[in-house]
Amino acid sequence: MKKTVIVGATTNPSRYAYVVAEMLSRYNVPFVPIGIKKGTVFGEAILDISTKPIIEEVHTITLYIGPQHQPEWYDYILSLKPKRIIFNPGTENKEFFDLARDKSIEPVIACNLVLLSTGQF
């Protein structure tokens, strides 16, 4: 299974990070929501990103935080050693894209919801 970390997770159903949690849950893809908001999404507690929680066996990071908020989390996200990082619309960031590639992490500019719904995830 492709364990996925949702960076920027939220309990707000109008946000794409919430919708992707719902879709991952529906598709039985294990996911770990992390962010600055507290709460639970589809049975998973949102972990506080500021504590830099250790998460093992991460396949995919899916970003839902804008480029202006990403630099402080570069080292942490890269330390999770994902196979790929999905840069969802509005999260594109050439600097982070290049850092991921330099660490042999596949950077993907795509919409996670589209990838899931079209079987390309």
PDB file of N, CA and C in Angstrom:
ATOM      1  N   MET A   1       0.840  -1.196   0.000  1.00  0.00           N
ATOM      2  CA  MET A   1       0.000   0.000   0.000  1.00  0.00           C
ATOM      3  C   MET A   1       0.877   1.248   0.000  1.00  0.00           C
ATOM      4  N   LYS A   2       0.350   2.296  -0.549  1.00  0.00           N
ATOM      5  CA  LYS A   2       1.098   3.543  -0.690  1.00  0.00           C
ATOM      6  C   LYS A   2       0.761   4.491   0.456  1.00  0.00           C
ATOM      7  N   LYS A   3       1.358   4.241   1.636  1.00  0.00           N
ATOM      8  CA  LYS A   3       1.082   5.115   2.783  1.00  0.00           C
ATOM      9  C   LYS A   3       1.371   6.553   2.389  1.00  0.00           C
ATOM     10  N   THR A   4       0.373   7.395   2.619  1.00  0.00           N
ATOM     11  CA  THR A   4       0.424   8.781   2.173  1.00  0.00           C
ATOM     12  C   THR A   4       0.310   9.726   3.353  1.00  0.00           C
ATOM     13  N   VAL A   5       1.197  10.706   3.400  1.00  0.00           N
ATOM     14  CA  VAL A   5       1.150  11.750   4.421  1.00  0.00           C
ATOM     15  C   VAL A   5       0.526  12.986   3.782  1.00  0.00           C
ATOM     16  N   ILE A   6      -0.544  13.473   4.390  1.00  0.00           N
ATOM     17  CA  ILE A   6      -1.233  14.678   3.924  1.00  0.00           C
ATOM     18  C   ILE A   6      -0.671  15.849   4.725  1.00  0.00           C
ATOM     19  N   VAL A   7       0.129  16.692   4.070  1.00  0.00           N
ATOM     20  CA  VAL A   7       0.709  17.861   4.739  1.00  0.00           C
ATOM     21  C   VAL A   7      -0.232  19.039   4.532  1.00  0.00           C
ATOM     22  N   GLY A   8      -0.769  19.535   5.635  1.00  0.00           N
ATOM     23  CA  GLY A   8      -1.761  20.610   5.585  1.00  0.00           C
ATOM     24  C   GLY A   8      -3.166  20.081   5.815  1.00  0.00           C
ATOM     25  N   ALA A   9      -3.249  18.946   6.510  1.00  0.00           N
ATOM     26  CA  ALA A   9      -4.540  18.309   6.783  1.00  0.00           C
ATOM     27  C   ALA A   9      -5.431  19.239   7.609  1.00  0.00           C
ATOM     28  N   THR A  10      -6.741  19.073   7.412  1.00  0.00           N
ATOM     29  CA  THR A  10      -7.713  19.911   8.105  1.00  0.00           C
ATOM     30  C   THR A  10      -9.028  19.150   8.274  1.00  0.00           C
ATOM     31  N   THR A  11      -9.822  19.606   9.221  1.00  0.00           N
ATOM     32  CA  THR A  11     -11.157  19.034   9.407  1.00  0.00           C
ATOM     33  C   THR A  11     -12.217  19.816   8.640  1.00  0.00           C
ATOM     34  N   ASN A  12     -11.808  20.820   7.903  1.00  0.00           N
ATOM     35  CA  ASN A  12     -12.738  21.665   7.151  1.00  0.00           C
ATOM     36  C   ASN A  12     -13.131  20.965   5.841  1.00  0.00           C
ATOM     37  N   PRO A  13     -14.390  20.519   5.721  1.00  0.00           N
ATOM     38  CA  PRO A  13     -14.802  19.768   4.538  1.00  0.00           C
ATOM     39  C   PRO A  13     -14.763  20.548   3.225  1.00  0.00           C
ATOM     40  N   SER A  14     -14.597  21.869   3.281  1.00  0.00           N
ATOM     41  CA  SER A  14     -14.526  22.647   2.046  1.00  0.00           C
ATOM     42  C   SER A  14     -13.098  22.732   1.486  1.00  0.00           C
ATOM     43  N   ARG A  15     -12.140  22.126   2.191  1.00  0.00           N
ATOM     44  CA  ARG A  15     -10.739  22.172   1.754  1.00  0.00           C
ATOM     45  C   ARG A  15     -10.356  20.881   1.026  1.00  0.00           C
ATOM     46  N   TYR A  16      -9.499  21.021   0.021  1.00  0.00           N
ATOM     47  CA  TYR A  16      -9.077  19.855  -0.758  1.00  0.00           C
ATOM     48  C   TYR A  16      -8.320  18.836   0.092  1.00  0.00           C
ATOM     49  N   ALA A  17      -7.590  19.296   1.111  1.00  0.00           N
ATOM     50  CA  ALA A  17      -6.873  18.364   1.986  1.00  0.00           C
ATOM     51  C   ALA A  17      -7.854  17.433   2.703  1.00  0.00           C
ATOM     52  N   TYR A  18      -9.020  17.936   3.034  1.00  0.00           N
ATOM     53  CA  TYR A  18     -10.064  17.112   3.658  1.00  0.00           C
ATOM     54  C   TYR A  18     -10.627  16.124   2.637  1.00  0.00           C
ATOM     55  N   VAL A  19     -10.903  16.618   1.439  1.00  0.00           N
ATOM     56  CA  VAL A  19     -11.476  15.773   0.387  1.00  0.00           C
ATOM     57  C   VAL A  19     -10.521  14.642   0.032  1.00  0.00           C
ATOM     58  N   VAL A  20      -9.219  14.923  -0.019  1.00  0.00           N
ATOM     59  CA  VAL A  20      -8.263  13.850  -0.340  1.00  0.00           C
ATOM     60  C   VAL A  20      -8.217  12.825   0.788  1.00  0.00           C
ATOM     61  N   ALA A  21      -8.351  13.262   2.034  1.00  0.00           N
ATOM     62  CA  ALA A  21      -8.398  12.305   3.152  1.00  0.00           C
ATOM     63  C   ALA A  21      -9.609  11.389   2.994  1.00  0.00           C
ATOM     64  N   GLU A  22     -10.741  11.981   2.621  1.00  0.00           N
ATOM     65  CA  GLU A  22     -11.946  11.188   2.403  1.00  0.00           C
ATOM     66  C   GLU A  22     -11.736  10.167   1.284  1.00  0.00           C
ATOM     67  N   MET A  23     -11.122  10.607   0.195  1.00  0.00           N
ATOM     68  CA  MET A  23     -10.922   9.729  -0.949  1.00  0.00           C
ATOM     69  C   MET A  23      -9.906   8.622  -0.628  1.00  0.00           C
ATOM     70  N   LEU A  24      -8.822   8.965   0.055  1.00  0.00           N
ATOM     71  CA  LEU A  24      -7.845   7.948   0.452  1.00  0.00           C
ATOM     72  C   LEU A  24      -8.509   6.910   1.345  1.00  0.00           C
ATOM     73  N   SER A  25      -9.340   7.382   2.273  1.00  0.00           N
ATOM     74  CA  SER A  25     -10.062   6.473   3.154  1.00  0.00           C
ATOM     75  C   SER A  25     -10.971   5.539   2.352  1.00  0.00           C
ATOM     76  N   ARG A  26     -11.700   6.111   1.427  1.00  0.00           N
ATOM     77  CA  ARG A  26     -12.626   5.335   0.594  1.00  0.00           C
ATOM     78  C   ARG A  26     -11.893   4.293  -0.254  1.00  0.00           C
ATOM     79  N   TYR A  27     -10.680   4.641  -0.725  1.00  0.00           N
ATOM     80  CA  TYR A  27      -9.894   3.732  -1.555  1.00  0.00           C
ATOM     81  C   TYR A  27      -9.018   2.794  -0.720  1.00  0.00           C
ATOM     82  N   ASN A  28      -9.176   2.865   0.612  1.00  0.00           N
ATOM     83  CA  ASN A  28      -8.397   2.033   1.540  1.00  0.00           C
ATOM     84  C   ASN A  28      -6.892   2.237   1.421  1.00  0.00           C
ATOM     85  N   VAL A  29      -6.488   3.475   1.153  1.00  0.00           N
ATOM     86  CA  VAL A  29      -5.069   3.829   1.122  1.00  0.00           C
ATOM     87  C   VAL A  29      -4.726   4.357   2.515  1.00  0.00           C
ATOM     88  N   PRO A  30      -3.742   3.753   3.189  1.00  0.00           N
ATOM     89  CA  PRO A  30      -3.390   4.258   4.518  1.00  0.00           C
ATOM     90  C   PRO A  30      -2.843   5.687   4.408  1.00  0.00           C
ATOM     91  N   PHE A  31      -3.292   6.549   5.323  1.00  0.00           N
ATOM     92  CA  PHE A  31      -2.822   7.926   5.292  1.00  0.00           C
ATOM     93  C   PHE A  31      -2.587   8.445   6.701  1.00  0.00           C
ATOM     94  N   VAL A  32      -1.689   9.422   6.770  1.00  0.00           N
ATOM     95  CA  VAL A  32      -1.364  10.084   8.032  1.00  0.00           C
ATOM     96  C   VAL A  32      -1.548  11.582   7.795  1.00  0.00           C
ATOM     97  N   PRO A  33      -2.546  12.197   8.431  1.00  0.00           N
ATOM     98  CA  PRO A  33      -2.736  13.633   8.268  1.00  0.00           C
ATOM     99  C   PRO A  33      -1.853  14.413   9.250  1.00  0.00           C
ATOM    100  N   ILE A  34      -1.139  15.397   8.732  1.00  0.00           N
ATOM    101  CA  ILE A  34      -0.349  16.265   9.607  1.00  0.00           C
ATOM    102  C   ILE A  34      -0.641  17.716   9.233  1.00  0.00           C
ATOM    103  N   GLY A  35      -0.548  18.580  10.222  1.00  0.00           N
ATOM    104  CA  GLY A  35      -0.802  19.994   9.975  1.00  0.00           C
ATOM    105  C   GLY A  35      -0.783  20.785  11.266  1.00  0.00           C
ATOM    106  N   ILE A  36      -1.305  21.993  11.185  1.00  0.00           N
ATOM    107  CA  ILE A  36      -1.351  22.859  12.371  1.00  0.00           C
ATOM    108  C   ILE A  36      -2.716  22.818  13.037  1.00  0.00           C
ATOM    109  N   LYS A  37      -3.689  22.244  12.364  1.00  0.00           N
ATOM    110  CA  LYS A  37      -5.047  22.137  12.914  1.00  0.00           C
ATOM    111  C   LYS A  37      -5.182  20.863  13.727  1.00  0.00           C
ATOM    112  N   LYS A  38      -5.944  20.928  14.801  1.00  0.00           N
ATOM    113  CA  LYS A  38      -6.219  19.734  15.598  1.00  0.00           C
ATOM    114  C   LYS A  38      -7.520  19.112  15.119  1.00  0.00           C
ATOM    115  N   GLY A  39      -7.648  17.830  15.354  1.00  0.00           N
ATOM    116  CA  GLY A  39      -8.884  17.165  14.997  1.00  0.00           C
ATOM    117  C   GLY A  39      -8.632  15.789  14.423  1.00  0.00           C
ATOM    118  N   THR A  40      -9.684  15.220  13.883  1.00  0.00           N
ATOM    119  CA  THR A  40      -9.636  13.886  13.311  1.00  0.00           C
ATOM    120  C   THR A  40     -10.306  13.911  11.954  1.00  0.00           C
ATOM    121  N   VAL A  41      -9.710  13.224  10.987  1.00  0.00           N
ATOM    122  CA  VAL A  41     -10.321  13.092   9.674  1.00  0.00           C
ATOM    123  C   VAL A  41     -10.393  11.619   9.314  1.00  0.00           C
ATOM    124  N   PHE A  42     -11.602  11.155   9.100  1.00  0.00           N
ATOM    125  CA  PHE A  42     -11.861   9.781   8.676  1.00  0.00           C
ATOM    126  C   PHE A  42     -11.113   8.760   9.533  1.00  0.00           C
ATOM    127  N   GLY A  43     -11.220   8.983  10.856  1.00  0.00           N
ATOM    128  CA  GLY A  43     -10.656   8.047  11.821  1.00  0.00           C
ATOM    129  C   GLY A  43      -9.196   8.241  12.150  1.00  0.00           C
ATOM    130  N   GLU A  44      -8.554   9.209  11.528  1.00  0.00           N
ATOM    131  CA  GLU A  44      -7.124   9.458  11.770  1.00  0.00           C
ATOM    132  C   GLU A  44      -6.928  10.817  12.432  1.00  0.00           C
ATOM    133  N   ALA A  45      -6.215  10.820  13.562  1.00  0.00           N
ATOM    134  CA  ALA A  45      -5.922  12.080  14.247  1.00  0.00           C
ATOM    135  C   ALA A  45      -4.917  12.884  13.432  1.00  0.00           C
ATOM    136  N   ILE A  46      -5.153  14.189  13.334  1.00  0.00           N
ATOM    137  CA  ILE A  46      -4.202  15.073  12.661  1.00  0.00           C
ATOM    138  C   ILE A  46      -3.023  15.290  13.603  1.00  0.00           C
ATOM    139  N   LEU A  47      -1.839  14.881  13.154  1.00  0.00           N
ATOM    140  CA  LEU A  47      -0.628  15.049  13.959  1.00  0.00           C
ATOM    141  C   LEU A  47      -0.113  16.476  13.805  1.00  0.00           C
ATOM    142  N   ASP A  48       0.425  17.010  14.883  1.00  0.00           N
ATOM    143  CA  ASP A  48       0.943  18.371  14.905  1.00  0.00           C
ATOM    144  C   ASP A  48       2.288  18.412  14.179  1.00  0.00           C
ATOM    145  N   ILE A  49       2.314  19.066  13.025  1.00  0.00           N
ATOM    146  CA  ILE A  49       3.542  19.113  12.224  1.00  0.00           C
ATOM    147  C   ILE A  49       4.689  19.769  12.989  1.00  0.00           C
ATOM    148  N   SER A  50       4.375  20.685  13.905  1.00  0.00           N
ATOM    149  CA  SER A  50       5.443  21.382  14.628  1.00  0.00           C
ATOM    150  C   SER A  50       6.250  20.446  15.525  1.00  0.00           C
ATOM    151  N   THR A  51       5.688  19.275  15.847  1.00  0.00           N
ATOM    152  CA  THR A  51       6.426  18.292  16.651  1.00  0.00           C
ATOM    153  C   THR A  51       7.264  17.366  15.775  1.00  0.00           C
ATOM    154  N   LYS A  52       7.152  17.538  14.459  1.00  0.00           N
ATOM    155  CA  LYS A  52       7.884  16.724  13.484  1.00  0.00           C
ATOM    156  C   LYS A  52       7.765  15.231  13.812  1.00  0.00           C
ATOM    157  N   PRO A  53       6.535  14.723  13.779  1.00  0.00           N
ATOM    158  CA  PRO A  53       6.332  13.320  14.170  1.00  0.00           C
ATOM    159  C   PRO A  53       7.079  12.354  13.247  1.00  0.00           C
ATOM    160  N   ILE A  54       7.586  11.302  13.849  1.00  0.00           N
ATOM    161  CA  ILE A  54       8.252  10.252  13.084  1.00  0.00           C
ATOM    162  C   ILE A  54       7.170   9.399  12.432  1.00  0.00           C
ATOM    163  N   ILE A  55       7.276   9.236  11.138  1.00  0.00           N
ATOM    164  CA  ILE A  55       6.323   8.424  10.389  1.00  0.00           C
ATOM    165  C   ILE A  55       7.137   7.463   9.535  1.00  0.00           C
ATOM    166  N   GLU A  56       6.897   6.190   9.728  1.00  0.00           N
ATOM    167  CA  GLU A  56       7.677   5.163   9.028  1.00  0.00           C
ATOM    168  C   GLU A  56       7.021   4.766   7.706  1.00  0.00           C
ATOM    169  N   GLU A  57       7.838   4.281   6.802  1.00  0.00           N
ATOM    170  CA  GLU A  57       7.389   3.664   5.548  1.00  0.00           C
ATOM    171  C   GLU A  57       6.446   4.553   4.738  1.00  0.00           C
ATOM    172  N   VAL A  58       6.851   5.785   4.544  1.00  0.00           N
ATOM    173  CA  VAL A  58       6.056   6.737   3.772  1.00  0.00           C
ATOM    174  C   VAL A  58       6.320   6.512   2.279  1.00  0.00           C
ATOM    175  N   HIS A  59       5.272   6.336   1.531  1.00  0.00           N
ATOM    176  CA  HIS A  59       5.412   6.231   0.077  1.00  0.00           C
ATOM    177  C   HIS A  59       5.238   7.598  -0.579  1.00  0.00           C
ATOM    178  N   THR A  60       4.179   8.311  -0.180  1.00  0.00           N
ATOM    179  CA  THR A  60       3.816   9.569  -0.848  1.00  0.00           C
ATOM    180  C   THR A  60       3.569  10.673   0.168  1.00  0.00           C
ATOM    181  N   ILE A  61       4.087  11.845  -0.150  1.00  0.00           N
ATOM    182  CA  ILE A  61       3.717  13.067   0.566  1.00  0.00           C
ATOM    183  C   ILE A  61       2.821  13.834  -0.401  1.00  0.00           C
ATOM    184  N   THR A  62       1.666  14.278   0.064  1.00  0.00           N
ATOM    185  CA  THR A  62       0.808  15.115  -0.768  1.00  0.00           C
ATOM    186  C   THR A  62       0.681  16.470  -0.084  1.00  0.00           C
ATOM    187  N   LEU A  63       1.098  17.510  -0.786  1.00  0.00           N
ATOM    188  CA  LEU A  63       1.176  18.845  -0.196  1.00  0.00           C
ATOM    189  C   LEU A  63      -0.099  19.654  -0.378  1.00  0.00           C
ATOM    190  N   TYR A  64      -0.533  20.233   0.728  1.00  0.00           N
ATOM    191  CA  TYR A  64      -1.673  21.161   0.717  1.00  0.00           C
ATOM    192  C   TYR A  64      -1.318  22.420   1.501  1.00  0.00           C
ATOM    193  N   ILE A  65      -0.037  22.804   1.457  1.00  0.00           N
ATOM    194  CA  ILE A  65       0.392  24.085   2.036  1.00  0.00           C
ATOM    195  C   ILE A  65       1.110  24.860   0.925  1.00  0.00           C
ATOM    196  N   GLY A  66       0.879  26.144   0.906  1.00  0.00           N
ATOM    197  CA  GLY A  66       1.435  26.987  -0.150  1.00  0.00           C
ATOM    198  C   GLY A  66       2.948  27.089  -0.078  1.00  0.00           C
ATOM    199  N   PRO A  67       3.564  27.478  -1.194  1.00  0.00           N
ATOM    200  CA  PRO A  67       5.022  27.574  -1.263  1.00  0.00           C
ATOM    201  C   PRO A  67       5.626  28.484  -0.199  1.00  0.00           C
ATOM    202  N   GLN A  68       4.891  29.527   0.201  1.00  0.00           N
ATOM    203  CA  GLN A  68       5.416  30.457   1.198  1.00  0.00           C
ATOM    204  C   GLN A  68       5.557  29.809   2.572  1.00  0.00           C
ATOM    205  N   HIS A  69       4.828  28.710   2.828  1.00  0.00           N
ATOM    206  CA  HIS A  69       4.893  28.030   4.128  1.00  0.00           C
ATOM    207  C   HIS A  69       5.745  26.762   4.098  1.00  0.00           C
ATOM    208  N   GLN A  70       6.222  26.385   2.942  1.00  0.00           N
ATOM    209  CA  GLN A  70       6.955  25.127   2.813  1.00  0.00           C
ATOM    210  C   GLN A  70       8.391  25.149   3.334  1.00  0.00           C
ATOM    211  N   PRO A  71       9.165  26.241   3.132  1.00  0.00           N
ATOM    212  CA  PRO A  71      10.587  26.173   3.487  1.00  0.00           C
ATOM    213  C   PRO A  71      10.895  25.705   4.906  1.00  0.00           C
ATOM    214  N   GLU A  72      10.093  26.097   5.882  1.00  0.00           N
ATOM    215  CA  GLU A  72      10.389  25.675   7.251  1.00  0.00           C
ATOM    216  C   GLU A  72      10.209  24.174   7.445  1.00  0.00           C
ATOM    217  N   TRP A  73       9.525  23.495   6.505  1.00  0.00           N
ATOM    218  CA  TRP A  73       9.270  22.062   6.623  1.00  0.00           C
ATOM    219  C   TRP A  73      10.075  21.219   5.640  1.00  0.00           C
ATOM    220  N   TYR A  74      10.891  21.845   4.793  1.00  0.00           N
ATOM    221  CA  TYR A  74      11.674  21.079   3.812  1.00  0.00           C
ATOM    222  C   TYR A  74      12.411  19.911   4.467  1.00  0.00           C
ATOM    223  N   ASP A  75      13.256  20.223   5.449  1.00  0.00           N
ATOM    224  CA  ASP A  75      14.092  19.181   6.058  1.00  0.00           C
ATOM    225  C   ASP A  75      13.244  18.075   6.675  1.00  0.00           C
ATOM    226  N   TYR A  76      12.190  18.459   7.365  1.00  0.00           N
ATOM    227  CA  TYR A  76      11.327  17.450   7.995  1.00  0.00           C
ATOM    228  C   TYR A  76      10.684  16.550   6.942  1.00  0.00           C
ATOM    229  N   ILE A  77      10.072  17.150   5.932  1.00  0.00           N
ATOM    230  CA  ILE A  77       9.387  16.359   4.909  1.00  0.00           C
ATOM    231  C   ILE A  77      10.369  15.436   4.197  1.00  0.00           C
ATOM    232  N   LEU A  78      11.519  15.958   3.841  1.00  0.00           N
ATOM    233  CA  LEU A  78      12.522  15.124   3.166  1.00  0.00           C
ATOM    234  C   LEU A  78      13.028  14.007   4.082  1.00  0.00           C
ATOM    235  N   SER A  79      13.064  14.263   5.396  1.00  0.00           N
ATOM    236  CA  SER A  79      13.541  13.242   6.351  1.00  0.00           C
ATOM    237  C   SER A  79      12.600  12.038   6.428  1.00  0.00           C
ATOM    238  N   LEU A  80      11.362  12.202   5.978  1.00  0.00           N
ATOM    239  CA  LEU A  80      10.415  11.085   5.982  1.00  0.00           C
ATOM    240  C   LEU A  80      10.716  10.085   4.858  1.00  0.00           C
ATOM    241  N   LYS A  81      11.622  10.474   3.961  1.00  0.00           N
ATOM    242  CA  LYS A  81      12.099   9.617   2.873  1.00  0.00           C
ATOM    243  C   LYS A  81      10.977   9.025   2.020  1.00  0.00           C
ATOM    244  N   PRO A  82      10.092   9.900   1.526  1.00  0.00           N
ATOM    245  CA  PRO A  82       9.031   9.384   0.654  1.00  0.00           C
ATOM    246  C   PRO A  82       9.604   8.989  -0.700  1.00  0.00           C
ATOM    247  N   LYS A  83       8.857   8.195  -1.422  1.00  0.00           N
ATOM    248  CA  LYS A  83       9.229   7.846  -2.799  1.00  0.00           C
ATOM    249  C   LYS A  83       8.883   9.015  -3.727  1.00  0.00           C
ATOM    250  N   ARG A  84       7.802   9.756  -3.380  1.00  0.00           N
ATOM    251  CA  ARG A  84       7.398  10.890  -4.206  1.00  0.00           C
ATOM    252  C   ARG A  84       6.712  11.957  -3.355  1.00  0.00           C
ATOM    253  N   ILE A  85       6.733  13.172  -3.897  1.00  0.00           N
ATOM    254  CA  ILE A  85       6.006  14.296  -3.302  1.00  0.00           C
ATOM    255  C   ILE A  85       5.084  14.825  -4.385  1.00  0.00           C
ATOM    256  N   ILE A  86       3.791  14.880  -4.070  1.00  0.00           N
ATOM    257  CA  ILE A  86       2.813  15.428  -5.006  1.00  0.00           C
ATOM    258  C   ILE A  86       2.599  16.900  -4.665  1.00  0.00           C
ATOM    259  N   PHE A  87       2.901  17.741  -5.645  1.00  0.00           N
ATOM    260  CA  PHE A  87       2.675  19.175  -5.532  1.00  0.00           C
ATOM    261  C   PHE A  87       1.304  19.454  -6.150  1.00  0.00           C
ATOM    262  N   ASN A  88       0.285  19.550  -5.303  1.00  0.00           N
ATOM    263  CA  ASN A  88      -1.075  19.814  -5.761  1.00  0.00           C
ATOM    264  C   ASN A  88      -1.180  21.246  -6.273  1.00  0.00           C
ATOM    265  N   PRO A  89      -2.216  21.558  -7.065  1.00  0.00           N
ATOM    266  CA  PRO A  89      -2.372  22.923  -7.572  1.00  0.00           C
ATOM    267  C   PRO A  89      -2.266  23.968  -6.455  1.00  0.00           C
ATOM    268  N   GLY A  90      -1.442  24.976  -6.700  1.00  0.00           N
ATOM    269  CA  GLY A  90      -1.221  26.034  -5.720  1.00  0.00           C
ATOM    270  C   GLY A  90      -0.055  25.773  -4.782  1.00  0.00           C
ATOM    271  N   THR A  91       0.541  24.557  -4.854  1.00  0.00           N
ATOM    272  CA  THR A  91       1.677  24.238  -3.972  1.00  0.00           C
ATOM    273  C   THR A  91       2.975  24.116  -4.756  1.00  0.00           C
ATOM    274  N   GLU A  92       2.929  24.366  -6.056  1.00  0.00           N
ATOM    275  CA  GLU A  92       4.116  24.229  -6.892  1.00  0.00           C
ATOM    276  C   GLU A  92       5.234  25.116  -6.366  1.00  0.00           C
ATOM    277  N   ASN A  93       6.457  24.544  -6.341  1.00  0.00           N
ATOM    278  CA  ASN A  93       7.590  25.238  -5.741  1.00  0.00           C
ATOM    279  C   ASN A  93       8.863  24.653  -6.343  1.00  0.00           C
ATOM    280  N   LYS A  94       9.476  25.377  -7.266  1.00  0.00           N
ATOM    281  CA  LYS A  94      10.655  24.874  -7.960  1.00  0.00           C
ATOM    282  C   LYS A  94      11.792  24.531  -7.003  1.00  0.00           C
ATOM    283  N   GLU A  95      12.013  25.364  -6.000  1.00  0.00           N
ATOM    284  CA  GLU A  95      13.092  25.107  -5.048  1.00  0.00           C
ATOM    285  C   GLU A  95      12.889  23.760  -4.346  1.00  0.00           C
ATOM    286  N   PHE A  96      11.682  23.523  -3.831  1.00  0.00           N
ATOM    287  CA  PHE A  96      11.391  22.273  -3.121  1.00  0.00           C
ATOM    288  C   PHE A  96      11.400  21.091  -4.105  1.00  0.00           C
ATOM    289  N   PHE A  97      10.864  21.315  -5.301  1.00  0.00           N
ATOM    290  CA  PHE A  97      10.867  20.321  -6.368  1.00  0.00           C
ATOM    291  C   PHE A  97      12.305  19.839  -6.611  1.00  0.00           C
ATOM    292  N   ASP A  98      13.238  20.799  -6.763  1.00  0.00           N
ATOM    293  CA  ASP A  98      14.640  20.462  -7.024  1.00  0.00           C
ATOM    294  C   ASP A  98      15.293  19.771  -5.834  1.00  0.00           C
ATOM    295  N   LEU A  99      14.967  20.210  -4.606  1.00  0.00           N
ATOM    296  CA  LEU A  99      15.509  19.557  -3.409  1.00  0.00           C
ATOM    297  C   LEU A  99      15.065  18.101  -3.343  1.00  0.00           C
ATOM    298  N   ALA A 100      13.801  17.856  -3.654  1.00  0.00           N
ATOM    299  CA  ALA A 100      13.288  16.480  -3.647  1.00  0.00           C
ATOM    300  C   ALA A 100      14.030  15.642  -4.678  1.00  0.00           C
ATOM    301  N   ARG A 101      14.128  16.146  -5.881  1.00  0.00           N
ATOM    302  CA  ARG A 101      14.819  15.418  -6.951  1.00  0.00           C
ATOM    303  C   ARG A 101      16.267  15.119  -6.558  1.00  0.00           C
ATOM    304  N   ASP A 102      16.939  16.083  -5.907  1.00  0.00           N
ATOM    305  CA  ASP A 102      18.329  15.879  -5.468  1.00  0.00           C
ATOM    306  C   ASP A 102      18.446  14.752  -4.448  1.00  0.00           C
ATOM    307  N   LYS A 103      17.350  14.466  -3.734  1.00  0.00           N
ATOM    308  CA  LYS A 103      17.329  13.386  -2.726  1.00  0.00           C
ATOM    309  C   LYS A 103      16.745  12.097  -3.312  1.00  0.00           C
ATOM    310  N   SER A 104      16.637  12.040  -4.645  1.00  0.00           N
ATOM    311  CA  SER A 104      16.070  10.874  -5.347  1.00  0.00           C
ATOM    312  C   SER A 104      14.615  10.612  -4.975  1.00  0.00           C
ATOM    313  N   ILE A 105      13.897  11.692  -4.691  1.00  0.00           N
ATOM    314  CA  ILE A 105      12.456  11.627  -4.430  1.00  0.00           C
ATOM    315  C   ILE A 105      11.781  12.170  -5.681  1.00  0.00           C
ATOM    316  N   GLU A 106      10.801  11.445  -6.188  1.00  0.00           N
ATOM    317  CA  GLU A 106      10.124  11.878  -7.406  1.00  0.00           C
ATOM    318  C   GLU A 106       9.167  13.031  -7.100  1.00  0.00           C
ATOM    319  N   PRO A 107       9.420  14.220  -7.654  1.00  0.00           N
ATOM    320  CA  PRO A 107       8.472  15.316  -7.495  1.00  0.00           C
ATOM    321  C   PRO A 107       7.426  15.235  -8.604  1.00  0.00           C
ATOM    322  N   VAL A 108       6.156  15.331  -8.228  1.00  0.00           N
ATOM    323  CA  VAL A 108       5.065  15.212  -9.197  1.00  0.00           C
ATOM    324  C   VAL A 108       4.170  16.444  -9.070  1.00  0.00           C
ATOM    325  N   ILE A 109       3.992  17.154 -10.174  1.00  0.00           N
ATOM    326  CA  ILE A 109       3.060  18.269 -10.183  1.00  0.00           C
ATOM    327  C   ILE A 109       1.756  17.721 -10.736  1.00  0.00           C
ATOM    328  N   ALA A 110       0.776  17.567  -9.849  1.00  0.00           N
ATOM    329  CA  ALA A 110      -0.496  16.951 -10.232  1.00  0.00           C
ATOM    330  C   ALA A 110      -1.516  17.196  -9.136  1.00  0.00           C
ATOM    331  N   CYS A 111      -2.751  16.885  -9.435  1.00  0.00           N
ATOM    332  CA  CYS A 111      -3.813  16.933  -8.441  1.00  0.00           C
ATOM    333  C   CYS A 111      -4.022  15.525  -7.902  1.00  0.00           C
ATOM    334  N   ASN A 112      -3.803  15.346  -6.621  1.00  0.00           N
ATOM    335  CA  ASN A 112      -3.945  14.035  -5.991  1.00  0.00           C
ATOM    336  C   ASN A 112      -5.347  13.466  -6.206  1.00  0.00           C
ATOM    337  N   LEU A 113      -6.358  14.322  -6.175  1.00  0.00           N
ATOM    338  CA  LEU A 113      -7.737  13.858  -6.381  1.00  0.00           C
ATOM    339  C   LEU A 113      -7.916  13.275  -7.784  1.00  0.00           C
ATOM    340  N   VAL A 114      -7.334  13.922  -8.770  1.00  0.00           N
ATOM    341  CA  VAL A 114      -7.413  13.408 -10.143  1.00  0.00           C
ATOM    342  C   VAL A 114      -6.642  12.102 -10.265  1.00  0.00           C
ATOM    343  N   LEU A 115      -5.454  12.048  -9.675  1.00  0.00           N
ATOM    344  CA  LEU A 115      -4.667  10.805  -9.730  1.00  0.00           C
ATOM    345  C   LEU A 115      -5.456   9.629  -9.155  1.00  0.00           C
ATOM    346  N   LEU A 116      -6.103   9.847  -8.025  1.00  0.00           N
ATOM    347  CA  LEU A 116      -6.890   8.790  -7.400  1.00  0.00           C
ATOM    348  C   LEU A 116      -8.095   8.404  -8.252  1.00  0.00           C
ATOM    349  N   SER A 117      -8.827   9.395  -8.714  1.00  0.00           N
ATOM    350  CA  SER A 117     -10.068   9.115  -9.417  1.00  0.00           C
ATOM    351  C   SER A 117      -9.855   8.510 -10.800  1.00  0.00           C
ATOM    352  N   THR A 118      -8.649   8.667 -11.352  1.00  0.00           N
ATOM    353  CA  THR A 118      -8.362   8.106 -12.674  1.00  0.00           C
ATOM    354  C   THR A 118      -7.473   6.864 -12.598  1.00  0.00           C
ATOM    355  N   GLY A 119      -7.210   6.369 -11.393  1.00  0.00           N
ATOM    356  CA  GLY A 119      -6.405   5.159 -11.233  1.00  0.00           C
ATOM    357  C   GLY A 119      -4.933   5.355 -11.482  1.00  0.00           C
ATOM    358  N   GLN A 120      -4.447   6.594 -11.432  1.00  0.00           N
ATOM    359  CA  GLN A 120      -3.027   6.875 -11.680  1.00  0.00           C
ATOM    360  C   GLN A 120      -2.218   7.064 -10.410  1.00  0.00           C
ATOM    361  N   PHE A 121      -2.862   6.917  -9.265  1.00  0.00           N
ATOM    362  CA  PHE A 121      -2.182   7.152  -7.997  1.00  0.00           C
ATOM    363  C   PHE A 121      -1.131   6.077  -7.757  1.00  0.00           C
TER     364      PHE A 121
END
